[in-house]
C-alpha atoms as a PDB file:
ATOM      1  CA  MET A   1       0.000   0.000   0.000  1.00  0.00           C
ATOM      2  CA  ASN A   2       1.303   3.458  -0.862  1.00  0.00           C
ATOM      3  CA  SER A   3       1.291   6.030   1.891  1.00  0.00           C
ATOM      4  CA  PRO A   4       0.455   9.604   1.053  1.00  0.00           C
ATOM      5  CA  THR A   5       3.432  11.907   1.239  1.00  0.00           C
ATOM      6  CA  ARG A   6       1.432  15.061   1.854  1.00  0.00           C
ATOM      7  CA  PHE A   7      -2.031  16.155   2.929  1.00  0.00           C
ATOM      8  CA  GLU A   8      -3.162  19.726   2.486  1.00  0.00           C
ATOM      9  CA  PHE A   9      -6.128  21.245   4.269  1.00  0.00           C
ATOM     10  CA  PRO A  10      -6.583  24.864   3.181  1.00  0.00           C
ATOM     11  CA  ILE A  11      -7.442  27.413   5.847  1.00  0.00           C
ATOM     12  CA  ALA A  12     -10.335  28.502   3.595  1.00  0.00           C
ATOM     13  CA  LYS A  13     -11.949  25.096   4.145  1.00  0.00           C
ATOM     14  CA  ALA A  14     -11.552  25.424   7.909  1.00  0.00           C
ATOM     15  CA  GLN A  15     -13.033  28.927   7.764  1.00  0.00           C
ATOM     16  CA  TYR A  16     -16.010  27.555   5.831  1.00  0.00           C
ATOM     17  CA  LEU A  17     -16.558  24.800   8.403  1.00  0.00           C
ATOM     18  CA  PHE A  18     -16.282  27.260  11.281  1.00  0.00           C
ATOM     19  CA  ASN A  19     -18.534  29.959   9.842  1.00  0.00           C
ATOM     20  CA  ARG A  20     -21.175  28.212   7.681  1.00  0.00           C
ATOM     21  CA  ALA A  21     -24.583  28.543   9.294  1.00  0.00           C
ATOM     22  CA  THR A  22     -28.139  27.694   8.296  1.00  0.00           C
ATOM     23  CA  ALA A  23     -31.510  28.563   9.743  1.00  0.00           C
ATOM     24  CA  PRO A  24     -32.377  26.794  13.036  1.00  0.00           C
ATOM     25  CA  GLY A  25     -33.715  23.315  12.434  1.00  0.00           C
ATOM     26  CA  VAL A  26     -32.230  23.077   8.957  1.00  0.00           C
ATOM     27  CA  GLY A  27     -29.553  20.454   8.409  1.00  0.00           C
ATOM     28  CA  GLY A  28     -26.038  21.428   7.510  1.00  0.00           C
ATOM     29  CA  ASP A  29     -25.285  23.982  10.226  1.00  0.00           C
ATOM     30  CA  LYS A  30     -21.547  23.481  10.249  1.00  0.00           C
ATOM     31  CA  ARG A  31     -20.895  26.432  12.535  1.00  0.00           C
ATOM     32  CA  LYS A  32     -22.966  24.987  15.377  1.00  0.00           C
ATOM     33  CA  PHE A  33     -21.377  21.562  14.992  1.00  0.00           C
ATOM     34  CA  TRP A  34     -17.751  22.734  14.913  1.00  0.00           C
ATOM     35  CA  ARG A  35     -18.178  25.423  17.579  1.00  0.00           C
ATOM     36  CA  GLU A  36     -20.673  23.929  20.024  1.00  0.00           C
ATOM     37  CA  ALA A  37     -20.518  20.164  19.554  1.00  0.00           C
ATOM     38  CA  MET A  38     -16.798  19.871  18.831  1.00  0.00           C
ATOM     39  CA  GLY A  39     -15.635  22.846  20.916  1.00  0.00           C
ATOM     40  CA  PHE A  40     -13.365  24.570  18.410  1.00  0.00           C
ATOM     41  CA  GLU A  41     -12.715  28.273  18.876  1.00  0.00           C
ATOM     42  CA  SER A  42     -11.158  29.140  15.506  1.00  0.00           C
ATOM     43  CA  PRO A  43     -10.717  27.901  11.939  1.00  0.00           C
ATOM     44  CA  GLU A  44      -7.006  27.486  12.648  1.00  0.00           C
ATOM     45  CA  ALA A  45      -7.778  25.106  15.515  1.00  0.00           C
ATOM     46  CA  ILE A  46      -9.961  22.979  13.224  1.00  0.00           C
ATOM     47  CA  ARG A  47      -7.243  22.868  10.572  1.00  0.00           C
ATOM     48  CA  GLU A  48      -4.518  21.936  13.071  1.00  0.00           C
ATOM     49  CA  ALA A  49      -6.624  19.189  14.651  1.00  0.00           C
ATOM     50  CA  ILE A  50      -7.443  17.629  11.274  1.00  0.00           C
ATOM     51  CA  LEU A  51      -3.828  17.777  10.098  1.00  0.00           C
ATOM     52  CA  ALA A  52      -2.590  16.307  13.396  1.00  0.00           C
ATOM     53  CA  GLN A  53      -5.037  13.407  13.159  1.00  0.00           C
ATOM     54  CA  ILE A  54      -4.111  12.698   9.535  1.00  0.00           C
ATOM     55  CA  SER A  55      -0.422  12.787  10.471  1.00  0.00           C
ATOM     56  CA  ARG A  56      -1.041  10.206  13.223  1.00  0.00           C
ATOM     57  CA  LEU A  57      -2.966   7.968  10.824  1.00  0.00           C
ATOM     58  CA  VAL A  58      -0.227   8.176   8.187  1.00  0.00           C
ATOM     59  CA  ALA A  59       2.470   7.411  10.769  1.00  0.00           C
ATOM     60  CA  THR A  60       0.504   4.400  12.023  1.00  0.00           C
ATOM     61  CA  ALA A  61      -0.071   3.127   8.498  1.00  0.00           C
ATOM     62  CA  SER A  62       3.619   3.534   7.690  1.00  0.00           C
ATOM     63  CA  ARG A  63       4.615   1.413  10.691  1.00  0.00           C
ATOM     64  CA  THR A  64       2.226  -1.401   9.738  1.00  0.00           C
ATOM     65  CA  GLU A  65       3.437  -1.751   6.144  1.00  0.00           C
END
């Protein structure tokens, strides 16, 4: 199995996840999920958490090959 050598997660995507809102009761309210349910305080925190998790997964996969 080939391991990825790089994973990019643009800050624009994190900003979208952190700021996208919909009317109450309408599905897809990303802002509420990422802020309230997940507890993130900034788009940068979302980006760093995702990149850290991916890095751990890649490292684990590399050790099992």
